[in-house]
Amino acid sequence: MRAYTQNLVSITFHPIFVNTVGLLLLFMLFPSLTALSTNAKNTVILLITFSTVIVPILSVFILKITNQIKSYELREKQERKWPFAFTGMGYLFSFYVLQKAGISAIVLKYLLACSGTIVSIIIINNFWKISVHMASMGSV
């Protein structure tokens, strides 16, 4: 049971999922977002999940298949550049689409904060290998 709980916490708080979980928290904590229909909320969550979780995961698989990275853990700082770039582009894409759709400023600001965190990580990662776990928690 303990190993199951540890794996669940590890997966839930993995950097690639943390900001999507943060978005879910936004929907639960801010009454102004409850004006969105359940269908609209689900669409927003699916868009963000696809562009910031699915696409980066697929990019890691492709990089691994093409031998651009050694492991899925991205242990080397130079291996992290492209997956982080895809994640950042996903947040910017989500921001652009949702801005055009007229979504709440709270969600848009959250997406910009996530994008800023990713850009900061990419820049800092050129010099030091930093904890992406802590950076993603900080953006939430």
C-alpha atoms as a PDB file:
ATOM      1  CA  MET A   1       0.000   0.000   0.000  1.00  0.00           C
ATOM      2  CA  ARG A   2       2.856   2.380   0.844  1.00  0.00           C
ATOM      3  CA  ALA A   3       4.528   1.904  -2.566  1.00  0.00           C
ATOM      4  CA  TYR A   4       1.185   2.554  -4.284  1.00  0.00           C
ATOM      5  CA  THR A   5       0.721   5.800  -2.338  1.00  0.00           C
ATOM      6  CA  GLN A   6       4.284   6.893  -3.085  1.00  0.00           C
ATOM      7  CA  ASN A   7       3.814   6.228  -6.810  1.00  0.00           C
ATOM      8  CA  LEU A   8       0.497   8.090  -6.825  1.00  0.00           C
ATOM      9  CA  VAL A   9       2.049  11.138  -5.129  1.00  0.00           C
ATOM     10  CA  SER A  10       5.095  10.961  -7.407  1.00  0.00           C
ATOM     11  CA  ILE A  11       2.965  10.886 -10.552  1.00  0.00           C
ATOM     12  CA  THR A  12       0.509  13.543  -9.347  1.00  0.00           C
ATOM     13  CA  PHE A  13       3.316  15.946  -8.462  1.00  0.00           C
ATOM     14  CA  HIS A  14       5.457  15.206 -11.514  1.00  0.00           C
ATOM     15  CA  PRO A  15       6.383  18.547 -13.127  1.00  0.00           C
ATOM     16  CA  ILE A  16       4.496  17.760 -16.307  1.00  0.00           C
ATOM     17  CA  PHE A  17       1.222  17.279 -14.387  1.00  0.00           C
ATOM     18  CA  VAL A  18       1.569  19.884 -11.640  1.00  0.00           C
ATOM     19  CA  ASN A  19       0.349  22.843 -13.674  1.00  0.00           C
ATOM     20  CA  THR A  20      -2.668  20.920 -14.976  1.00  0.00           C
ATOM     21  CA  VAL A  21      -3.503  20.054 -11.373  1.00  0.00           C
ATOM     22  CA  GLY A  22      -3.025  23.768 -10.598  1.00  0.00           C
ATOM     23  CA  LEU A  23      -5.554  24.602 -13.296  1.00  0.00           C
ATOM     24  CA  LEU A  24      -8.042  22.202 -11.736  1.00  0.00           C
ATOM     25  CA  LEU A  25      -7.471  23.975  -8.415  1.00  0.00           C
ATOM     26  CA  LEU A  26      -8.174  27.319 -10.098  1.00  0.00           C
ATOM     27  CA  PHE A  27     -11.537  26.033 -11.273  1.00  0.00           C
ATOM     28  CA  MET A  28     -12.364  24.798  -7.775  1.00  0.00           C
ATOM     29  CA  LEU A  29     -11.143  27.869  -5.846  1.00  0.00           C
ATOM     30  CA  PHE A  30     -12.244  30.849  -7.952  1.00  0.00           C
ATOM     31  CA  PRO A  31     -15.991  31.464  -8.170  1.00  0.00           C
ATOM     32  CA  SER A  32     -15.579  33.676 -11.243  1.00  0.00           C
ATOM     33  CA  LEU A  33     -14.550  30.597 -13.196  1.00  0.00           C
ATOM     34  CA  THR A  34     -17.690  28.708 -12.235  1.00  0.00           C
ATOM     35  CA  ALA A  35     -19.554  30.810 -14.806  1.00  0.00           C
ATOM     36  CA  LEU A  36     -18.044  28.494 -17.400  1.00  0.00           C
ATOM     37  CA  SER A  37     -20.170  25.529 -18.263  1.00  0.00           C
ATOM     38  CA  THR A  38     -18.905  22.095 -17.366  1.00  0.00           C
ATOM     39  CA  ASN A  39     -18.419  21.463 -21.069  1.00  0.00           C
ATOM     40  CA  ALA A  40     -16.309  24.635 -21.433  1.00  0.00           C
ATOM     41  CA  LYS A  41     -14.186  23.729 -18.391  1.00  0.00           C
ATOM     42  CA  ASN A  42     -13.608  20.243 -19.772  1.00  0.00           C
ATOM     43  CA  THR A  43     -12.612  21.689 -23.147  1.00  0.00           C
ATOM     44  CA  VAL A  44     -10.121  24.065 -21.505  1.00  0.00           C
ATOM     45  CA  ILE A  45      -8.652  21.254 -19.408  1.00  0.00           C
ATOM     46  CA  LEU A  46      -8.401  18.943 -22.445  1.00  0.00           C
ATOM     47  CA  LEU A  47      -6.708  21.637 -24.541  1.00  0.00           C
ATOM     48  CA  ILE A  48      -4.170  22.407 -21.845  1.00  0.00           C
ATOM     49  CA  THR A  49      -3.585  18.732 -21.056  1.00  0.00           C
ATOM     50  CA  PHE A  50      -3.026  17.928 -24.723  1.00  0.00           C
ATOM     51  CA  SER A  51      -0.684  20.845 -25.410  1.00  0.00           C
ATOM     52  CA  THR A  52       1.282  20.756 -22.141  1.00  0.00           C
ATOM     53  CA  VAL A  53       1.264  17.065 -21.204  1.00  0.00           C
ATOM     54  CA  ILE A  54       0.603  14.843 -24.216  1.00  0.00           C
ATOM     55  CA  VAL A  55       2.739  16.734 -26.766  1.00  0.00           C
ATOM     56  CA  PRO A  56       5.789  16.983 -24.442  1.00  0.00           C
ATOM     57  CA  ILE A  57       5.493  13.296 -23.503  1.00  0.00           C
ATOM     58  CA  LEU A  58       5.332  12.369 -27.193  1.00  0.00           C
ATOM     59  CA  SER A  59       8.358  14.579 -27.862  1.00  0.00           C
ATOM     60  CA  VAL A  60      10.335  12.682 -25.208  1.00  0.00           C
ATOM     61  CA  PHE A  61       9.355   9.362 -26.790  1.00  0.00           C
ATOM     62  CA  ILE A  62      10.404  10.601 -30.223  1.00  0.00           C
ATOM     63  CA  LEU A  63      13.699  11.945 -28.850  1.00  0.00           C
ATOM     64  CA  LYS A  64      14.352   8.583 -27.193  1.00  0.00           C
ATOM     65  CA  ILE A  65      13.511   6.602 -30.325  1.00  0.00           C
ATOM     66  CA  THR A  66      15.838   8.800 -32.398  1.00  0.00           C
ATOM     67  CA  ASN A  67      18.586   8.445 -29.762  1.00  0.00           C
ATOM     68  CA  GLN A  68      18.631  12.163 -29.018  1.00  0.00           C
ATOM     69  CA  ILE A  69      18.278  11.395 -25.300  1.00  0.00           C
ATOM     70  CA  LYS A  70      19.712   8.560 -23.220  1.00  0.00           C
ATOM     71  CA  SER A  71      16.822   8.015 -20.811  1.00  0.00           C
ATOM     72  CA  TYR A  72      13.254   9.086 -20.215  1.00  0.00           C
ATOM     73  CA  GLU A  73      14.329  10.709 -16.940  1.00  0.00           C
ATOM     74  CA  LEU A  74      16.213  13.452 -18.843  1.00  0.00           C
ATOM     75  CA  ARG A  75      19.070  13.302 -16.370  1.00  0.00           C
ATOM     76  CA  GLU A  76      21.479  15.327 -18.497  1.00  0.00           C
ATOM     77  CA  LYS A  77      20.758  19.042 -18.665  1.00  0.00           C
ATOM     78  CA  GLN A  78      21.319  19.161 -22.445  1.00  0.00           C
ATOM     79  CA  GLU A  79      18.628  16.483 -22.911  1.00  0.00           C
ATOM     80  CA  ARG A  80      16.040  18.724 -21.280  1.00  0.00           C
ATOM     81  CA  LYS A  81      16.118  21.597 -23.769  1.00  0.00           C
ATOM     82  CA  TRP A  82      13.670  20.293 -26.377  1.00  0.00           C
ATOM     83  CA  PRO A  83      11.082  18.742 -24.038  1.00  0.00           C
ATOM     84  CA  PHE A  84      11.040  22.001 -22.069  1.00  0.00           C
ATOM     85  CA  ALA A  85      10.726  24.008 -25.280  1.00  0.00           C
ATOM     86  CA  PHE A  86       7.764  21.882 -26.396  1.00  0.00           C
ATOM     87  CA  THR A  87       6.142  22.350 -23.002  1.00  0.00           C
ATOM     88  CA  GLY A  88       6.652  26.117 -23.137  1.00  0.00           C
ATOM     89  CA  MET A  89       5.223  26.258 -26.659  1.00  0.00           C
ATOM     90  CA  GLY A  90       2.245  24.249 -25.407  1.00  0.00           C
ATOM     91  CA  TYR A  91       1.523  26.820 -22.719  1.00  0.00           C
ATOM     92  CA  LEU A  92       1.882  29.690 -25.182  1.00  0.00           C
ATOM     93  CA  PHE A  93      -0.375  27.884 -27.675  1.00  0.00           C
ATOM     94  CA  SER A  94      -2.980  27.309 -24.949  1.00  0.00           C
ATOM     95  CA  PHE A  95      -2.728  30.958 -23.923  1.00  0.00           C
ATOM     96  CA  TYR A  96      -3.234  32.129 -27.511  1.00  0.00           C
ATOM     97  CA  VAL A  97      -6.228  29.859 -28.188  1.00  0.00           C
ATOM     98  CA  LEU A  98      -7.919  30.611 -24.877  1.00  0.00           C
ATOM     99  CA  GLN A  99      -7.299  34.346 -25.207  1.00  0.00           C
ATOM    100  CA  LYS A 100      -9.065  34.271 -28.590  1.00  0.00           C
ATOM    101  CA  ALA A 101     -11.906  32.323 -26.941  1.00  0.00           C
ATOM    102  CA  GLY A 102     -12.293  35.020 -24.280  1.00  0.00           C
ATOM    103  CA  ILE A 103     -11.465  32.818 -21.311  1.00  0.00           C
ATOM    104  CA  SER A 104     -11.042  34.339 -17.842  1.00  0.00           C
ATOM    105  CA  ALA A 105      -7.990  36.531 -17.215  1.00  0.00           C
ATOM    106  CA  ILE A 106      -7.149  34.360 -14.196  1.00  0.00           C
ATOM    107  CA  VAL A 107      -6.576  31.330 -16.416  1.00  0.00           C
ATOM    108  CA  LEU A 108      -4.643  33.399 -18.965  1.00  0.00           C
ATOM    109  CA  LYS A 109      -2.369  34.857 -16.278  1.00  0.00           C
ATOM    110  CA  TYR A 110      -1.818  31.383 -14.872  1.00  0.00           C
ATOM    111  CA  LEU A 111      -0.787  30.127 -18.331  1.00  0.00           C
ATOM    112  CA  LEU A 112       1.597  33.070 -18.743  1.00  0.00           C
ATOM    113  CA  ALA A 113       3.116  32.344 -15.328  1.00  0.00           C
ATOM    114  CA  CYS A 114       3.621  28.716 -16.353  1.00  0.00           C
ATOM    115  CA  SER A 115       5.190  29.855 -19.643  1.00  0.00           C
ATOM    116  CA  GLY A 116       7.481  32.223 -17.760  1.00  0.00           C
ATOM    117  CA  THR A 117       8.529  29.422 -15.454  1.00  0.00           C
ATOM    118  CA  ILE A 118       9.370  27.172 -18.407  1.00  0.00           C
ATOM    119  CA  VAL A 119      11.357  29.926 -20.149  1.00  0.00           C
ATOM    120  CA  SER A 120      13.238  30.603 -16.906  1.00  0.00           C
ATOM    121  CA  ILE A 121      13.978  26.893 -16.523  1.00  0.00           C
ATOM    122  CA  ILE A 122      15.286  26.714 -20.102  1.00  0.00           C
ATOM    123  CA  ILE A 123      17.601  29.693 -19.531  1.00  0.00           C
ATOM    124  CA  ILE A 124      18.843  28.541 -16.112  1.00  0.00           C
ATOM    125  CA  ASN A 125      19.261  24.969 -17.394  1.00  0.00           C
ATOM    126  CA  ASN A 126      21.980  26.225 -19.772  1.00  0.00           C
ATOM    127  CA  PHE A 127      24.158  26.891 -16.726  1.00  0.00           C
ATOM    128  CA  TRP A 128      22.891  24.592 -13.962  1.00  0.00           C
ATOM    129  CA  LYS A 129      20.699  21.548 -13.684  1.00  0.00           C
ATOM    130  CA  ILE A 130      17.903  22.784 -11.433  1.00  0.00           C
ATOM    131  CA  SER A 131      14.977  21.040  -9.798  1.00  0.00           C
ATOM    132  CA  VAL A 132      12.107  21.230 -12.241  1.00  0.00           C
ATOM    133  CA  HIS A 133       9.890  19.689  -9.559  1.00  0.00           C
ATOM    134  CA  MET A 134      10.413  22.699  -7.306  1.00  0.00           C
ATOM    135  CA  ALA A 135      10.104  25.192 -10.157  1.00  0.00           C
ATOM    136  CA  SER A 136       6.761  23.719 -11.228  1.00  0.00           C
ATOM    137  CA  MET A 137       5.512  23.744  -7.646  1.00  0.00           C
ATOM    138  CA  GLY A 138       6.592  27.377  -7.423  1.00  0.00           C
ATOM    139  CA  SER A 139       4.565  28.300 -10.488  1.00  0.00           C
ATOM    140  CA  VAL A 140       1.451  26.841  -8.886  1.00  0.00           C
END
